PDB file of N, CA and C in Angstrom:
ATOM      1  N   MET A   1      -9.089  -8.046 -18.512  1.00  0.00           N
ATOM      2  CA  MET A   1      -9.303  -7.105 -17.419  1.00  0.00           C
ATOM      3  C   MET A   1      -9.342  -7.868 -16.091  1.00  0.00           C
ATOM      4  N   GLU A   2      -8.665  -7.335 -15.124  1.00  0.00           N
ATOM      5  CA  GLU A   2      -8.592  -7.979 -13.812  1.00  0.00           C
ATOM      6  C   GLU A   2      -9.926  -7.845 -13.078  1.00  0.00           C
ATOM      7  N   GLU A   3     -10.302  -8.912 -12.383  1.00  0.00           N
ATOM      8  CA  GLU A   3     -11.551  -8.907 -11.617  1.00  0.00           C
ATOM      9  C   GLU A   3     -11.423  -7.971 -10.424  1.00  0.00           C
ATOM     10  N   ARG A   4     -12.432  -7.142 -10.215  1.00  0.00           N
ATOM     11  CA  ARG A   4     -12.405  -6.206  -9.095  1.00  0.00           C
ATOM     12  C   ARG A   4     -12.723  -6.936  -7.791  1.00  0.00           C
ATOM     13  N   PRO A   5     -12.169  -6.442  -6.667  1.00  0.00           N
ATOM     14  CA  PRO A   5     -12.373  -7.088  -5.367  1.00  0.00           C
ATOM     15  C   PRO A   5     -13.838  -7.190  -4.947  1.00  0.00           C
ATOM     16  N   ILE A   6     -14.676  -6.296  -5.427  1.00  0.00           N
ATOM     17  CA  ILE A   6     -16.080  -6.337  -5.032  1.00  0.00           C
ATOM     18  C   ILE A   6     -16.727  -7.653  -5.463  1.00  0.00           C
ATOM     19  N   LYS A   7     -16.180  -8.299  -6.476  1.00  0.00           N
ATOM     20  CA  LYS A   7     -16.723  -9.583  -6.938  1.00  0.00           C
ATOM     21  C   LYS A   7     -16.654 -10.621  -5.819  1.00  0.00           C
ATOM     22  N   HIS A   8     -15.567 -10.636  -5.064  1.00  0.00           N
ATOM     23  CA  HIS A   8     -15.431 -11.547  -3.921  1.00  0.00           C
ATOM     24  C   HIS A   8     -16.553 -11.297  -2.913  1.00  0.00           C
ATOM     25  N   ILE A   9     -16.841 -10.029  -2.647  1.00  0.00           N
ATOM     26  CA  ILE A   9     -17.874  -9.682  -1.686  1.00  0.00           C
ATOM     27  C   ILE A   9     -19.253 -10.065  -2.221  1.00  0.00           C
ATOM     28  N   CYS A  10     -19.474  -9.856  -3.511  1.00  0.00           N
ATOM     29  CA  CYS A  10     -20.758 -10.246  -4.121  1.00  0.00           C
ATOM     30  C   CYS A  10     -20.994 -11.748  -4.000  1.00  0.00           C
ATOM     31  N   ASP A  11     -19.961 -12.528  -4.248  1.00  0.00           N
ATOM     32  CA  ASP A  11     -20.086 -13.986  -4.113  1.00  0.00           C
ATOM     33  C   ASP A  11     -20.399 -14.373  -2.674  1.00  0.00           C
ATOM     34  N   ALA A  12     -19.722 -13.729  -1.730  1.00  0.00           N
ATOM     35  CA  ALA A  12     -19.928 -14.040  -0.309  1.00  0.00           C
ATOM     36  C   ALA A  12     -21.318 -13.613   0.156  1.00  0.00           C
ATOM     37  N   ILE A  13     -21.784 -12.445  -0.285  1.00  0.00           N
ATOM     38  CA  ILE A  13     -23.098 -11.977   0.176  1.00  0.00           C
ATOM     39  C   ILE A  13     -24.208 -12.844  -0.400  1.00  0.00           C
ATOM     40  N   GLU A  14     -24.016 -13.401  -1.567  1.00  0.00           N
ATOM     41  CA  GLU A  14     -25.030 -14.293  -2.144  1.00  0.00           C
ATOM     42  C   GLU A  14     -25.273 -15.495  -1.226  1.00  0.00           C
ATOM     43  N   VAL A  15     -24.211 -16.082  -0.729  1.00  0.00           N
ATOM     44  CA  VAL A  15     -24.302 -17.227   0.186  1.00  0.00           C
ATOM     45  C   VAL A  15     -24.880 -16.781   1.529  1.00  0.00           C
ATOM     46  N   ALA A  16     -24.376 -15.679   2.065  1.00  0.00           N
ATOM     47  CA  ALA A  16     -24.825 -15.190   3.372  1.00  0.00           C
ATOM     48  C   ALA A  16     -26.302 -14.793   3.337  1.00  0.00           C
ATOM     49  N   HIS A  17     -26.723 -14.167   2.262  1.00  0.00           N
ATOM     50  CA  HIS A  17     -28.116 -13.720   2.116  1.00  0.00           C
ATOM     51  C   HIS A  17     -29.064 -14.914   2.125  1.00  0.00           C
ATOM     52  N   ALA A  18     -28.728 -15.941   1.373  1.00  0.00           N
ATOM     53  CA  ALA A  18     -29.578 -17.143   1.325  1.00  0.00           C
ATOM     54  C   ALA A  18     -29.668 -17.785   2.701  1.00  0.00           C
ATOM     55  N   LYS A  19     -28.554 -17.858   3.413  1.00  0.00           N
ATOM     56  CA  LYS A  19     -28.549 -18.484   4.739  1.00  0.00           C
ATOM     57  C   LYS A  19     -29.341 -17.657   5.748  1.00  0.00           C
ATOM     58  N   ILE A  20     -29.207 -16.340   5.705  1.00  0.00           N
ATOM     59  CA  ILE A  20     -29.933 -15.503   6.674  1.00  0.00           C
ATOM     60  C   ILE A  20     -31.434 -15.602   6.426  1.00  0.00           C
ATOM     61  N   GLN A  21     -31.847 -15.673   5.169  1.00  0.00           N
ATOM     62  CA  GLN A  21     -33.268 -15.810   4.857  1.00  0.00           C
ATOM     63  C   GLN A  21     -33.799 -17.174   5.313  1.00  0.00           C
ATOM     64  N   ALA A  22     -32.983 -18.204   5.198  1.00  0.00           N
ATOM     65  CA  ALA A  22     -33.396 -19.536   5.634  1.00  0.00           C
ATOM     66  C   ALA A  22     -33.497 -19.625   7.153  1.00  0.00           C
ATOM     67  N   ASP A  23     -32.609 -18.923   7.852  1.00  0.00           N
ATOM     68  CA  ASP A  23     -32.543 -19.024   9.311  1.00  0.00           C
ATOM     69  C   ASP A  23     -33.473 -18.064  10.044  1.00  0.00           C
ATOM     70  N   PHE A  24     -33.854 -16.952   9.421  1.00  0.00           N
ATOM     71  CA  PHE A  24     -34.649 -15.916  10.088  1.00  0.00           C
ATOM     72  C   PHE A  24     -35.774 -15.446   9.181  1.00  0.00           C
ATOM     73  N   ASP A  25     -37.006 -15.757   9.584  1.00  0.00           N
ATOM     74  CA  ASP A  25     -38.164 -15.325   8.804  1.00  0.00           C
ATOM     75  C   ASP A  25     -38.307 -13.809   8.786  1.00  0.00           C
ATOM     76  N   HIS A  26     -37.919 -13.167   9.866  1.00  0.00           N
ATOM     77  CA  HIS A  26     -38.148 -11.730  10.016  1.00  0.00           C
ATOM     78  C   HIS A  26     -37.037 -10.860   9.434  1.00  0.00           C
ATOM     79  N   ILE A  27     -35.965 -11.456   8.931  1.00  0.00           N
ATOM     80  CA  ILE A  27     -34.883 -10.673   8.328  1.00  0.00           C
ATOM     81  C   ILE A  27     -34.877 -10.975   6.830  1.00  0.00           C
ATOM     82  N   ASN A  28     -35.125  -9.967   6.039  1.00  0.00           N
ATOM     83  CA  ASN A  28     -35.088 -10.127   4.595  1.00  0.00           C
ATOM     84  C   ASN A  28     -34.245  -8.995   4.018  1.00  0.00           C
ATOM     85  N   PRO A  29     -32.922  -9.119   4.100  1.00  0.00           N
ATOM     86  CA  PRO A  29     -32.050  -8.029   3.666  1.00  0.00           C
ATOM     87  C   PRO A  29     -32.196  -7.737   2.173  1.00  0.00           C
ATOM     88  N   VAL A  30     -32.035  -6.469   1.853  1.00  0.00           N
ATOM     89  CA  VAL A  30     -32.005  -6.025   0.472  1.00  0.00           C
ATOM     90  C   VAL A  30     -30.575  -5.584   0.186  1.00  0.00           C
ATOM     91  N   VAL A  31     -29.975  -6.191  -0.826  1.00  0.00           N
ATOM     92  CA  VAL A  31     -28.580  -5.912  -1.153  1.00  0.00           C
ATOM     93  C   VAL A  31     -28.529  -5.084  -2.432  1.00  0.00           C
ATOM     94  N   GLY A  32     -27.750  -4.016  -2.377  1.00  0.00           N
ATOM     95  CA  GLY A  32     -27.556  -3.178  -3.553  1.00  0.00           C
ATOM     96  C   GLY A  32     -26.077  -3.002  -3.829  1.00  0.00           C
ATOM     97  N   LEU A  33     -25.735  -2.889  -5.104  1.00  0.00           N
ATOM     98  CA  LEU A  33     -24.342  -2.660  -5.495  1.00  0.00           C
ATOM     99  C   LEU A  33     -24.289  -1.404  -6.334  1.00  0.00           C
ATOM    100  N   ILE A  34     -23.504  -0.461  -5.897  1.00  0.00           N
ATOM    101  CA  ILE A  34     -23.330   0.795  -6.627  1.00  0.00           C
ATOM    102  C   ILE A  34     -21.918   0.777  -7.194  1.00  0.00           C
ATOM    103  N   ASN A  35     -21.829   0.510  -8.482  1.00  0.00           N
ATOM    104  CA  ASN A  35     -20.506   0.418  -9.107  1.00  0.00           C
ATOM    105  C   ASN A  35     -20.314   1.480 -10.181  1.00  0.00           C
ATOM    106  N   ARG A  36     -21.115   2.523 -10.140  1.00  0.00           N
ATOM    107  CA  ARG A  36     -20.988   3.605 -11.111  1.00  0.00           C
ATOM    108  C   ARG A  36     -20.458   4.880 -10.463  1.00  0.00           C
ATOM    109  N   MET A  37     -19.865   4.742  -9.293  1.00  0.00           N
ATOM    110  CA  MET A  37     -19.346   5.915  -8.592  1.00  0.00           C
ATOM    111  C   MET A  37     -18.186   6.558  -9.347  1.00  0.00           C
ATOM    112  N   ARG A  38     -17.491   5.766 -10.149  1.00  0.00           N
ATOM    113  CA  ARG A  38     -16.370   6.290 -10.929  1.00  0.00           C
ATOM    114  C   ARG A  38     -16.828   7.388 -11.896  1.00  0.00           C
ATOM    115  N   GLU A  39     -18.062   7.276 -12.355  1.00  0.00           N
ATOM    116  CA  GLU A  39     -18.603   8.300 -13.257  1.00  0.00           C
ATOM    117  C   GLU A  39     -18.697   9.654 -12.565  1.00  0.00           C
ATOM    118  N   HIS A  40     -18.666   9.654 -11.230  1.00  0.00           N
ATOM    119  CA  HIS A  40     -18.755  10.885 -10.442  1.00  0.00           C
ATOM    120  C   HIS A  40     -17.429  11.199  -9.752  1.00  0.00           C
ATOM    121  N   GLY A  41     -16.358  10.577 -10.222  1.00  0.00           N
ATOM    122  CA  GLY A  41     -15.029  10.870  -9.708  1.00  0.00           C
ATOM    123  C   GLY A  41     -14.643  10.146  -8.437  1.00  0.00           C
ATOM    124  N   ILE A  42     -15.414   9.146  -8.031  1.00  0.00           N
ATOM    125  CA  ILE A  42     -15.092   8.387  -6.816  1.00  0.00           C
ATOM    126  C   ILE A  42     -14.647   6.990  -7.240  1.00  0.00           C
ATOM    127  N   PRO A  43     -13.353   6.682  -7.127  1.00  0.00           N
ATOM    128  CA  PRO A  43     -12.831   5.394  -7.585  1.00  0.00           C
ATOM    129  C   PRO A  43     -13.087   4.266  -6.579  1.00  0.00           C
ATOM    130  N   ALA A  44     -14.357   3.856  -6.464  1.00  0.00           N
ATOM    131  CA  ALA A  44     -14.722   2.841  -5.477  1.00  0.00           C
ATOM    132  C   ALA A  44     -16.008   2.139  -5.894  1.00  0.00           C
ATOM    133  N   ASP A  45     -16.226   0.983  -5.289  1.00  0.00           N
ATOM    134  CA  ASP A  45     -17.481   0.253  -5.385  1.00  0.00           C
ATOM    135  C   ASP A  45     -18.108   0.265  -4.001  1.00  0.00           C
ATOM    136  N   LEU A  46     -19.440   0.321  -3.957  1.00  0.00           N
ATOM    137  CA  LEU A  46     -20.148   0.375  -2.687  1.00  0.00           C
ATOM    138  C   LEU A  46     -21.265  -0.654  -2.688  1.00  0.00           C
ATOM    139  N   MET A  47     -21.356  -1.410  -1.594  1.00  0.00           N
ATOM    140  CA  MET A  47     -22.459  -2.346  -1.403  1.00  0.00           C
ATOM    141  C   MET A  47     -23.268  -1.874  -0.202  1.00  0.00           C
ATOM    142  N   THR A  48     -24.589  -1.880  -0.368  1.00  0.00           N
ATOM    143  CA  THR A  48     -25.481  -1.588   0.741  1.00  0.00           C
ATOM    144  C   THR A  48     -26.231  -2.871   1.079  1.00  0.00           C
ATOM    145  N   ILE A  49     -26.361  -3.144   2.359  1.00  0.00           N
ATOM    146  CA  ILE A  49     -27.143  -4.276   2.844  1.00  0.00           C
ATOM    147  C   ILE A  49     -28.142  -3.678   3.825  1.00  0.00           C
ATOM    148  N   ASP A  50     -29.401  -3.670   3.432  1.00  0.00           N
ATOM    149  CA  ASP A  50     -30.428  -2.984   4.199  1.00  0.00           C
ATOM    150  C   ASP A  50     -31.437  -3.944   4.789  1.00  0.00           C
ATOM    151  N   CYS A  51     -31.914  -3.599   5.973  1.00  0.00           N
ATOM    152  CA  CYS A  51     -33.056  -4.265   6.582  1.00  0.00           C
ATOM    153  C   CYS A  51     -34.178  -3.234   6.576  1.00  0.00           C
ATOM    154  N   LEU A  52     -35.141  -3.418   5.697  1.00  0.00           N
ATOM    155  CA  LEU A  52     -36.202  -2.430   5.537  1.00  0.00           C
ATOM    156  C   LEU A  52     -37.055  -2.278   6.782  1.00  0.00           C
ATOM    157  N   LYS A  53     -37.279  -3.374   7.505  1.00  0.00           N
ATOM    158  CA  LYS A  53     -38.138  -3.325   8.693  1.00  0.00           C
ATOM    159  C   LYS A  53     -37.508  -2.547   9.839  1.00  0.00           C
ATOM    160  N   SER A  54     -36.213  -2.700  10.034  1.00  0.00           N
ATOM    161  CA  SER A  54     -35.555  -2.011  11.149  1.00  0.00           C
ATOM    162  C   SER A  54     -34.951  -0.678  10.738  1.00  0.00           C
ATOM    163  N   GLY A  55     -34.753  -0.481   9.448  1.00  0.00           N
ATOM    164  CA  GLY A  55     -34.117   0.744   8.974  1.00  0.00           C
ATOM    165  C   GLY A  55     -32.608   0.725   9.119  1.00  0.00           C
ATOM    166  N   LYS A  56     -32.048  -0.417   9.488  1.00  0.00           N
ATOM    167  CA  LYS A  56     -30.597  -0.521   9.676  1.00  0.00           C
ATOM    168  C   LYS A  56     -29.911  -0.852   8.349  1.00  0.00           C
ATOM    169  N   ARG A  57     -28.652  -0.440   8.244  1.00  0.00           N
ATOM    170  CA  ARG A  57     -27.884  -0.617   7.010  1.00  0.00           C
ATOM    171  C   ARG A  57     -26.447  -0.986   7.338  1.00  0.00           C
ATOM    172  N   ILE A  58     -25.886  -1.816   6.482  1.00  0.00           N
ATOM    173  CA  ILE A  58     -24.456  -2.111   6.507  1.00  0.00           C
ATOM    174  C   ILE A  58     -23.899  -1.605   5.183  1.00  0.00           C
ATOM    175  N   LEU A  59     -22.894  -0.750   5.248  1.00  0.00           N
ATOM    176  CA  LEU A  59     -22.208  -0.263   4.052  1.00  0.00           C
ATOM    177  C   LEU A  59     -20.864  -0.959   3.938  1.00  0.00           C
ATOM    178  N   VAL A  60     -20.527  -1.390   2.734  1.00  0.00           N
ATOM    179  CA  VAL A  60     -19.220  -1.988   2.474  1.00  0.00           C
ATOM    180  C   VAL A  60     -18.665  -1.304   1.232  1.00  0.00           C
ATOM    181  N   MET A  61     -17.484  -0.688   1.358  1.00  0.00           N
ATOM    182  CA  MET A  61     -16.887   0.043   0.251  1.00  0.00           C
ATOM    183  C   MET A  61     -15.470  -0.466  -0.016  1.00  0.00           C
ATOM    184  N   VAL A  62     -15.166  -0.579  -1.303  1.00  0.00           N
ATOM    185  CA  VAL A  62     -13.817  -0.969  -1.712  1.00  0.00           C
ATOM    186  C   VAL A  62     -13.277   0.124  -2.628  1.00  0.00           C
ATOM    187  N   HIS A  63     -12.206   0.777  -2.173  1.00  0.00           N
ATOM    188  CA  HIS A  63     -11.550   1.822  -2.966  1.00  0.00           C
ATOM    189  C   HIS A  63     -10.526   1.189  -3.896  1.00  0.00           C
ATOM    190  N   ASP A  64     -10.434   1.726  -5.094  1.00  0.00           N
ATOM    191  CA  ASP A  64      -9.452   1.227  -6.052  1.00  0.00           C
ATOM    192  C   ASP A  64      -8.032   1.356  -5.526  1.00  0.00           C
ATOM    193  N   SER A  65      -7.768   2.380  -4.688  1.00  0.00           N
ATOM    194  CA  SER A  65      -6.417   2.605  -4.174  1.00  0.00           C
ATOM    195  C   SER A  65      -5.998   1.579  -3.120  1.00  0.00           C
ATOM    196  N   GLN A  66      -6.981   0.875  -2.523  1.00  0.00           N
ATOM    197  CA  GLN A  66      -6.685  -0.153  -1.521  1.00  0.00           C
ATOM    198  C   GLN A  66      -7.567  -1.374  -1.795  1.00  0.00           C
ATOM    199  N   PRO A  67      -7.332  -2.063  -2.901  1.00  0.00           N
ATOM    200  CA  PRO A  67      -8.218  -3.165  -3.295  1.00  0.00           C
ATOM    201  C   PRO A  67      -8.168  -4.375  -2.364  1.00  0.00           C
ATOM    202  N   GLU A  68      -7.195  -4.420  -1.464  1.00  0.00           N
ATOM    203  CA  GLU A  68      -7.096  -5.538  -0.531  1.00  0.00           C
ATOM    204  C   GLU A  68      -7.932  -5.316   0.730  1.00  0.00           C
ATOM    205  N   LEU A  69      -8.501  -4.111   0.877  1.00  0.00           N
ATOM    206  CA  LEU A  69      -9.286  -3.767   2.062  1.00  0.00           C
ATOM    207  C   LEU A  69     -10.724  -3.415   1.697  1.00  0.00           C
ATOM    208  N   ALA A  70     -11.631  -3.765   2.586  1.00  0.00           N
ATOM    209  CA  ALA A  70     -13.013  -3.303   2.492  1.00  0.00           C
ATOM    210  C   ALA A  70     -13.257  -2.410   3.700  1.00  0.00           C
ATOM    211  N   ASN A  71     -13.844  -1.266   3.470  1.00  0.00           N
ATOM    212  CA  ASN A  71     -14.232  -0.364   4.545  1.00  0.00           C
ATOM    213  C   ASN A  71     -15.715  -0.587   4.808  1.00  0.00           C
ATOM    214  N   TYR A  72     -16.088  -0.645   6.064  1.00  0.00           N
ATOM    215  CA  TYR A  72     -17.480  -0.922   6.376  1.00  0.00           C
ATOM    216  C   TYR A  72     -17.973  -0.052   7.523  1.00  0.00           C
ATOM    217  N   GLN A  73     -19.298   0.063   7.574  1.00  0.00           N
ATOM    218  CA  GLN A  73     -19.932   0.865   8.601  1.00  0.00           C
ATOM    219  C   GLN A  73     -21.338   0.332   8.833  1.00  0.00           C
ATOM    220  N   PHE A  74     -21.746   0.329  10.072  1.00  0.00           N
ATOM    221  CA  PHE A  74     -23.114  -0.021  10.452  1.00  0.00           C
ATOM    222  C   PHE A  74     -23.829   1.304  10.709  1.00  0.00           C
ATOM    223  N   CYS A  75     -24.931   1.520  10.025  1.00  0.00           N
ATOM    224  CA  CYS A  75     -25.618   2.796  10.141  1.00  0.00           C
ATOM    225  C   CYS A  75     -27.117   2.594   9.920  1.00  0.00           C
ATOM    226  N   ARG A  76     -27.807   3.684   9.648  1.00  0.00           N
ATOM    227  CA  ARG A  76     -29.243   3.631   9.384  1.00  0.00           C
ATOM    228  C   ARG A  76     -29.499   4.102   7.962  1.00  0.00           C
ATOM    229  N   ARG A  77     -30.534   3.557   7.358  1.00  0.00           N
ATOM    230  CA  ARG A  77     -30.895   3.916   5.990  1.00  0.00           C
ATOM    231  C   ARG A  77     -31.344   5.369   5.888  1.00  0.00           C
ATOM    232  N   ASP A  78     -31.968   5.892   6.934  1.00  0.00           N
ATOM    233  CA  ASP A  78     -32.556   7.222   6.884  1.00  0.00           C
ATOM    234  C   ASP A  78     -31.616   8.322   7.372  1.00  0.00           C
ATOM    235  N   GLU A  79     -30.337   7.993   7.555  1.00  0.00           N
ATOM    236  CA  GLU A  79     -29.348   8.967   7.995  1.00  0.00           C
ATOM    237  C   GLU A  79     -28.119   8.880   7.109  1.00  0.00           C
ATOM    238  N   ASP A  80     -27.454   9.998   6.924  1.00  0.00           N
ATOM    239  CA  ASP A  80     -26.208   9.986   6.179  1.00  0.00           C
ATOM    240  C   ASP A  80     -25.167   9.205   6.972  1.00  0.00           C
ATOM    241  N   PRO A  81     -24.342   8.429   6.281  1.00  0.00           N
ATOM    242  CA  PRO A  81     -23.291   7.705   7.006  1.00  0.00           C
ATOM    243  C   PRO A  81     -22.263   8.683   7.574  1.00  0.00           C
ATOM    244  N   SER A  82     -21.618   8.266   8.626  1.00  0.00           N
ATOM    245  CA  SER A  82     -20.561   9.106   9.197  1.00  0.00           C
ATOM    246  C   SER A  82     -19.292   8.946   8.352  1.00  0.00           C
ATOM    247  N   ASP A  83     -18.295   9.721   8.692  1.00  0.00           N
ATOM    248  CA  ASP A  83     -17.012   9.617   7.992  1.00  0.00           C
ATOM    249  C   ASP A  83     -16.158   8.487   8.548  1.00  0.00           C
ATOM    250  N   GLU A  84     -16.626   7.868   9.633  1.00  0.00           N
ATOM    251  CA  GLU A  84     -15.860   6.822  10.308  1.00  0.00           C
ATOM    252  C   GLU A  84     -16.203   5.446   9.750  1.00  0.00           C
ATOM    253  N   PHE A  85     -15.217   4.800   9.139  1.00  0.00           N
ATOM    254  CA  PHE A  85     -15.368   3.445   8.634  1.00  0.00           C
ATOM    255  C   PHE A  85     -14.323   2.562   9.287  1.00  0.00           C
ATOM    256  N   GLU A  86     -14.670   1.318   9.520  1.00  0.00           N
ATOM    257  CA  GLU A  86     -13.715   0.307   9.959  1.00  0.00           C
ATOM    258  C   GLU A  86     -13.177  -0.368   8.703  1.00  0.00           C
ATOM    259  N   SER A  87     -12.063  -1.051   8.804  1.00  0.00           N
ATOM    260  CA  SER A  87     -11.485  -1.759   7.661  1.00  0.00           C
ATOM    261  C   SER A  87     -11.314  -3.234   7.980  1.00  0.00           C
ATOM    262  N   ILE A  88     -11.443  -4.036   6.937  1.00  0.00           N
ATOM    263  CA  ILE A  88     -11.240  -5.475   7.054  1.00  0.00           C
ATOM    264  C   ILE A  88     -10.588  -5.945   5.764  1.00  0.00           C
ATOM    265  N   ALA A  89      -9.694  -6.914   5.870  1.00  0.00           N
ATOM    266  CA  ALA A  89      -9.067  -7.477   4.673  1.00  0.00           C
ATOM    267  C   ALA A  89     -10.142  -8.163   3.827  1.00  0.00           C
ATOM    268  N   ILE A  90     -10.062  -7.979   2.526  1.00  0.00           N
ATOM    269  CA  ILE A  90     -11.057  -8.569   1.610  1.00  0.00           C
ATOM    270  C   ILE A  90     -11.175 -10.075   1.841  1.00  0.00           C
ATOM    271  N   GLU A  91     -10.057 -10.759   2.008  1.00  0.00           N
ATOM    272  CA  GLU A  91     -10.122 -12.216   2.169  1.00  0.00           C
ATOM    273  C   GLU A  91     -10.780 -12.630   3.487  1.00  0.00           C
ATOM    274  N   SER A  92     -10.855 -11.708   4.446  1.00  0.00           N
ATOM    275  CA  SER A  92     -11.541 -11.991   5.717  1.00  0.00           C
ATOM    276  C   SER A  92     -13.043 -11.734   5.650  1.00  0.00           C
ATOM    277  N   LEU A  93     -13.471 -11.100   4.573  1.00  0.00           N
ATOM    278  CA  LEU A  93     -14.889 -10.781   4.418  1.00  0.00           C
ATOM    279  C   LEU A  93     -15.577 -11.963   3.738  1.00  0.00           C
ATOM    280  N   THR A  94     -15.805 -12.985   4.547  1.00  0.00           N
ATOM    281  CA  THR A  94     -16.370 -14.241   4.064  1.00  0.00           C
ATOM    282  C   THR A  94     -17.891 -14.231   4.161  1.00  0.00           C
ATOM    283  N   ALA A  95     -18.503 -15.244   3.602  1.00  0.00           N
ATOM    284  CA  ALA A  95     -19.952 -15.400   3.716  1.00  0.00           C
ATOM    285  C   ALA A  95     -20.349 -15.496   5.193  1.00  0.00           C
ATOM    286  N   GLN A  96     -19.565 -16.202   5.983  1.00  0.00           N
ATOM    287  CA  GLN A  96     -19.873 -16.332   7.413  1.00  0.00           C
ATOM    288  C   GLN A  96     -19.783 -14.983   8.119  1.00  0.00           C
ATOM    289  N   LYS A  97     -18.780 -14.185   7.800  1.00  0.00           N
ATOM    290  CA  LYS A  97     -18.622 -12.865   8.416  1.00  0.00           C
ATOM    291  C   LYS A  97     -19.813 -11.978   8.060  1.00  0.00           C
ATOM    292  N   LEU A  98     -20.228 -11.966   6.794  1.00  0.00           N
ATOM    293  CA  LEU A  98     -21.377 -11.173   6.373  1.00  0.00           C
ATOM    294  C   LEU A  98     -22.666 -11.664   7.030  1.00  0.00           C
ATOM    295  N   TYR A  99     -22.801 -12.981   7.138  1.00  0.00           N
ATOM    296  CA  TYR A  99     -23.955 -13.571   7.823  1.00  0.00           C
ATOM    297  C   TYR A  99     -23.998 -13.093   9.278  1.00  0.00           C
ATOM    298  N   ASP A 100     -22.853 -13.168   9.953  1.00  0.00           N
ATOM    299  CA  ASP A 100     -22.786 -12.738  11.354  1.00  0.00           C
ATOM    300  C   ASP A 100     -23.149 -11.265  11.496  1.00  0.00           C
ATOM    301  N   TRP A 101     -22.626 -10.430  10.599  1.00  0.00           N
ATOM    302  CA  TRP A 101     -22.952  -9.004  10.643  1.00  0.00           C
ATOM    303  C   TRP A 101     -24.451  -8.783  10.492  1.00  0.00           C
ATOM    304  N   MET A 102     -25.064  -9.457   9.516  1.00  0.00           N
ATOM    305  CA  MET A 102     -26.501  -9.283   9.299  1.00  0.00           C
ATOM    306  C   MET A 102     -27.299  -9.785  10.503  1.00  0.00           C
ATOM    307  N   LYS A 103     -26.910 -10.936  11.015  1.00  0.00           N
ATOM    308  CA  LYS A 103     -27.612 -11.508  12.171  1.00  0.00           C
ATOM    309  C   LYS A 103     -27.533 -10.553  13.356  1.00  0.00           C
ATOM    310  N   GLU A 104     -26.336 -10.077  13.669  1.00  0.00           N
ATOM    311  CA  GLU A 104     -26.137  -9.204  14.828  1.00  0.00           C
ATOM    312  C   GLU A 104     -26.785  -7.833  14.634  1.00  0.00           C
ATOM    313  N   THR A 105     -26.690  -7.294  13.449  1.00  0.00           N
ATOM    314  CA  THR A 105     -27.188  -5.945  13.187  1.00  0.00           C
ATOM    315  C   THR A 105     -28.695  -5.912  13.000  1.00  0.00           C
ATOM    316  N   PHE A 106     -29.226  -6.861  12.253  1.00  0.00           N
ATOM    317  CA  PHE A 106     -30.636  -6.803  11.881  1.00  0.00           C
ATOM    318  C   PHE A 106     -31.566  -7.540  12.839  1.00  0.00           C
ATOM    319  N   SER A 107     -31.049  -8.418  13.669  1.00  0.00           N
ATOM    320  CA  SER A 107     -31.944  -9.148  14.574  1.00  0.00           C
ATOM    321  C   SER A 107     -31.950  -8.571  15.978  1.00  0.00           C
ATOM    322  N   THR A 108     -31.239  -7.488  16.203  1.00  0.00           N
ATOM    323  CA  THR A 108     -31.192  -6.871  17.530  1.00  0.00           C
ATOM    324  C   THR A 108     -31.781  -5.478  17.491  1.00  0.00           C
ATOM    325  N   ALA A 109     -33.026  -5.381  17.106  1.00  0.00           N
ATOM    326  CA  ALA A 109     -33.726  -4.094  17.124  1.00  0.00           C
ATOM    327  C   ALA A 109     -34.341  -3.889  18.501  1.00  0.00           C
ATOM    328  N   ASP A 110     -34.860  -2.698  18.721  1.00  0.00           N
ATOM    329  CA  ASP A 110     -35.452  -2.376  20.027  1.00  0.00           C
ATOM    330  C   ASP A 110     -36.642  -3.258  20.353  1.00  0.00           C
ATOM    331  N   SER A 111     -37.388  -3.642  19.337  1.00  0.00           N
ATOM    332  CA  SER A 111     -38.523  -4.536  19.572  1.00  0.00           C
ATOM    333  C   SER A 111     -38.645  -5.480  18.404  1.00  0.00           C
ATOM    334  N   GLU A 112     -39.312  -6.591  18.616  1.00  0.00           N
ATOM    335  CA  GLU A 112     -39.501  -7.575  17.563  1.00  0.00           C
ATOM    336  C   GLU A 112     -40.281  -6.975  16.392  1.00  0.00           C
ATOM    337  N   GLU A 113     -41.171  -6.013  16.695  1.00  0.00           N
ATOM    338  CA  GLU A 113     -41.951  -5.326  15.658  1.00  0.00           C
ATOM    339  C   GLU A 113     -41.051  -4.555  14.709  1.00  0.00           C
ATOM    340  N   ALA A 114     -39.951  -4.014  15.215  1.00  0.00           N
ATOM    341  CA  ALA A 114     -39.080  -3.147  14.411  1.00  0.00           C
ATOM    342  C   ALA A 114     -38.245  -3.942  13.425  1.00  0.00           C
ATOM    343  N   ILE A 115     -38.116  -5.216  13.624  1.00  0.00           N
ATOM    344  CA  ILE A 115     -37.290  -6.019  12.743  1.00  0.00           C
ATOM    345  C   ILE A 115     -38.078  -6.310  11.538  1.00  0.00           C
TER     346      ILE A 115
END
């Protein structure tokens, strides 16, 4: 069986997560992988990267029909995501790119308390 593209993202987020935790005491992202969407008729894998303190979320989705692309969105945990997603080539979604996204998204809250 061929390896699914989400595996590349999982490997990259493992490295990025460790680095963000080492570099920022106040950012402790929680990463989730939802790979059972096919059971509900959605041919895709979804990764959530959450900052519990700020309530911010990064969604990364890979559709089976476009395995070379990852669709992503910056949103909030307490709100439904919009229908608008940006796309990035899977090979461009590196540990450094994920680290940068987490750093920019989770360390820029309205106040230091919110992070």
